[in-house]
Amino acid sequence: MLDKALARKLAPIVKDKRQWEALKEYLNNLKTLELQVLVAATSELDLFRSQGKLSFLARLETLPEQVDEALNRKDYE
């Protein structure tokens, strides 16, 4: 779970449509390259590493939603 302080630091990146679209395009390029590695994997270790990288890239793609959730979360005392 993303904390509010870090969400505030990340907000300018995910709220600026041009910046976020550029970052998303870069993430998609990385995913494409990693899918090629996954297809050509010859060992379980290579397979697991690729799956982990793809999972991480997919999580990064949800960054705007994570930032919104953190900023809108009510802190209960």
Protein backbone atom coordinates (compact mmCIF):
# COMPACT_ATOMS: atom_id res chain seq x y z
CA MET A 1 0.00 0.00 0.00
CA LEU A 2 1.31 3.40 -0.98
CA ASP A 3 1.55 5.98 1.80
CA LYS A 4 0.25 9.52 1.36
CA ALA A 5 3.65 11.21 1.52
CA LEU A 6 5.03 9.12 -1.33
CA ALA A 7 1.75 9.45 -3.25
CA ARG A 8 2.10 13.25 -3.08
CA LYS A 9 5.60 12.98 -4.55
CA LEU A 10 4.39 10.72 -7.38
CA ALA A 11 1.23 12.70 -8.13
CA PRO A 12 2.87 15.20 -10.53
CA ILE A 13 4.03 12.31 -12.75
CA VAL A 14 0.72 10.47 -12.90
CA LYS A 15 -1.47 13.59 -13.03
CA ASP A 16 0.41 15.13 -15.96
CA LYS A 17 -1.16 13.32 -18.91
CA ARG A 18 1.80 13.91 -21.24
CA GLN A 19 4.36 12.64 -18.73
CA TRP A 20 2.26 9.65 -17.77
CA GLU A 21 1.60 8.67 -21.40
CA ALA A 22 5.34 8.81 -22.13
CA LEU A 23 6.11 6.65 -19.11
CA LYS A 24 3.33 4.23 -20.02
CA GLU A 25 4.72 3.91 -23.55
CA TYR A 26 8.13 3.11 -22.07
CA LEU A 27 6.60 0.49 -19.75
CA ASN A 28 4.78 -1.09 -22.70
CA ASN A 29 8.05 -1.28 -24.64
CA LEU A 30 9.69 -2.99 -21.68
CA LYS A 31 6.78 -5.43 -21.46
CA THR A 32 7.11 -6.28 -25.15
CA LEU A 33 10.82 -6.95 -24.76
CA GLU A 34 10.24 -9.04 -21.64
CA LEU A 35 7.54 -11.09 -23.37
CA GLN A 36 10.10 -11.95 -26.04
CA VAL A 37 12.50 -13.07 -23.31
CA LEU A 38 9.71 -15.12 -21.71
CA VAL A 39 8.92 -16.89 -24.98
CA ALA A 40 12.58 -17.77 -25.49
CA ALA A 41 13.24 -18.79 -21.86
CA THR A 42 15.22 -22.00 -21.68
CA SER A 43 15.31 -22.51 -17.92
CA GLU A 44 12.87 -22.29 -15.06
CA LEU A 45 14.95 -19.51 -13.54
CA ASP A 46 14.70 -17.41 -16.72
CA LEU A 47 10.97 -18.11 -16.84
CA PHE A 48 10.40 -17.06 -13.22
CA ARG A 49 12.52 -13.93 -13.61
CA SER A 50 10.57 -12.87 -16.68
CA GLN A 51 7.26 -13.50 -14.95
CA GLY A 52 8.41 -11.38 -12.02
CA LYS A 53 9.48 -8.53 -14.28
CA LEU A 54 6.17 -8.64 -16.15
CA SER A 55 4.26 -8.65 -12.87
CA PHE A 56 6.22 -5.62 -11.68
CA LEU A 57 5.63 -3.73 -14.95
CA ALA A 58 1.90 -4.47 -14.72
CA ARG A 59 1.89 -3.10 -11.16
CA LEU A 60 3.65 0.07 -12.31
CA GLU A 61 0.93 0.57 -14.91
CA THR A 62 -1.58 0.86 -12.06
CA LEU A 63 0.38 3.68 -10.43
CA PRO A 64 -2.25 6.38 -11.12
CA GLU A 65 -4.90 4.29 -9.36
CA GLN A 66 -2.54 3.57 -6.45
CA VAL A 67 -1.74 7.29 -6.07
CA ASP A 68 -5.44 8.25 -6.18
CA GLU A 69 -6.31 5.58 -3.62
CA ALA A 70 -3.57 6.75 -1.25
CA LEU A 71 -4.46 10.43 -1.58
CA ASN A 72 -8.18 9.77 -1.05
CA ARG A 73 -7.71 7.35 1.85
CA LYS A 74 -9.14 8.48 5.14
CA ASP A 75 -6.67 8.18 8.00
CA TYR A 76 -8.35 6.94 11.12
CA GLU A 77 -6.84 7.66 14.48
